[in-house]
Protein backbone atom coordinates (compact mmCIF):
# COMPACT_ATOMS: atom_id res chain seq x y z
CA UNK A 1 23.75 37.49 10.35
CA UNK A 2 21.56 34.98 8.50
CA UNK A 3 18.41 33.73 10.22
CA UNK A 4 17.86 30.90 7.77
CA UNK A 5 18.33 27.36 9.01
CA UNK A 6 20.73 25.23 6.96
CA UNK A 7 19.16 22.73 4.57
CA UNK A 8 19.64 19.20 5.97
CA UNK A 9 21.37 16.54 3.97
CA UNK A 10 19.43 13.58 2.57
CA UNK A 11 20.88 11.37 5.28
CA UNK A 12 19.81 13.81 8.06
CA UNK A 13 16.28 13.93 6.65
CA UNK A 14 16.08 10.13 6.52
CA UNK A 15 17.45 9.91 10.07
CA UNK A 16 14.80 12.34 11.30
CA UNK A 17 12.07 10.32 9.61
CA UNK A 18 13.29 7.06 11.08
CA UNK A 19 13.51 8.60 14.54
CA UNK A 20 9.96 9.91 14.30
CA UNK A 21 8.64 6.54 13.07
CA UNK A 22 10.36 4.71 15.97
CA UNK A 23 8.81 7.18 18.38
CA UNK A 24 5.36 6.70 16.74
CA UNK A 25 5.61 2.92 17.20
CA UNK A 26 5.92 3.32 21.02
CA UNK A 27 3.22 6.01 21.35
CA UNK A 28 -0.06 5.01 22.92
CA UNK A 29 -1.88 8.25 22.12
CA UNK A 30 -3.34 7.69 18.67
CA UNK A 31 -3.45 11.40 17.77
CA UNK A 32 0.16 11.90 18.74
CA UNK A 33 1.14 8.71 16.88
CA UNK A 34 -0.51 10.02 13.72
CA UNK A 35 1.25 13.40 14.13
CA UNK A 36 4.67 11.71 14.39
CA UNK A 37 3.84 9.65 11.32
CA UNK A 38 2.81 12.77 9.38
CA UNK A 39 6.01 14.53 10.35
CA UNK A 40 8.02 11.52 9.24
CA UNK A 41 6.28 11.66 5.87
CA UNK A 42 7.34 15.28 5.51
CA UNK A 43 10.95 14.36 6.21
CA UNK A 44 10.75 11.49 3.72
CA UNK A 45 9.40 13.94 1.08
CA UNK A 46 12.30 16.28 1.75
CA UNK A 47 14.75 13.40 1.48
CA UNK A 48 13.18 12.53 -1.85
CA UNK A 49 13.67 16.08 -3.14
CA UNK A 50 17.26 16.09 -1.99
CA UNK A 51 17.88 12.75 -3.68
CA UNK A 52 16.45 14.08 -6.94
CA UNK A 53 18.82 17.04 -6.69
CA UNK A 54 15.95 19.50 -6.69
CA UNK A 55 16.68 23.04 -5.57
CA UNK A 56 14.86 23.95 -2.40
């Protein structure tokens, strides 16, 4: 049994980034808002890699 998580599609990565950015917009705690934004940036970087066809 494999313990590896499946690699998300580009669309899933973009959806995750968008969801995190929407959450960050409504957050009043500045530290948490920055964390959501950072996580969204990570998802956007992954989406970029997937768009370029890079092997992960």
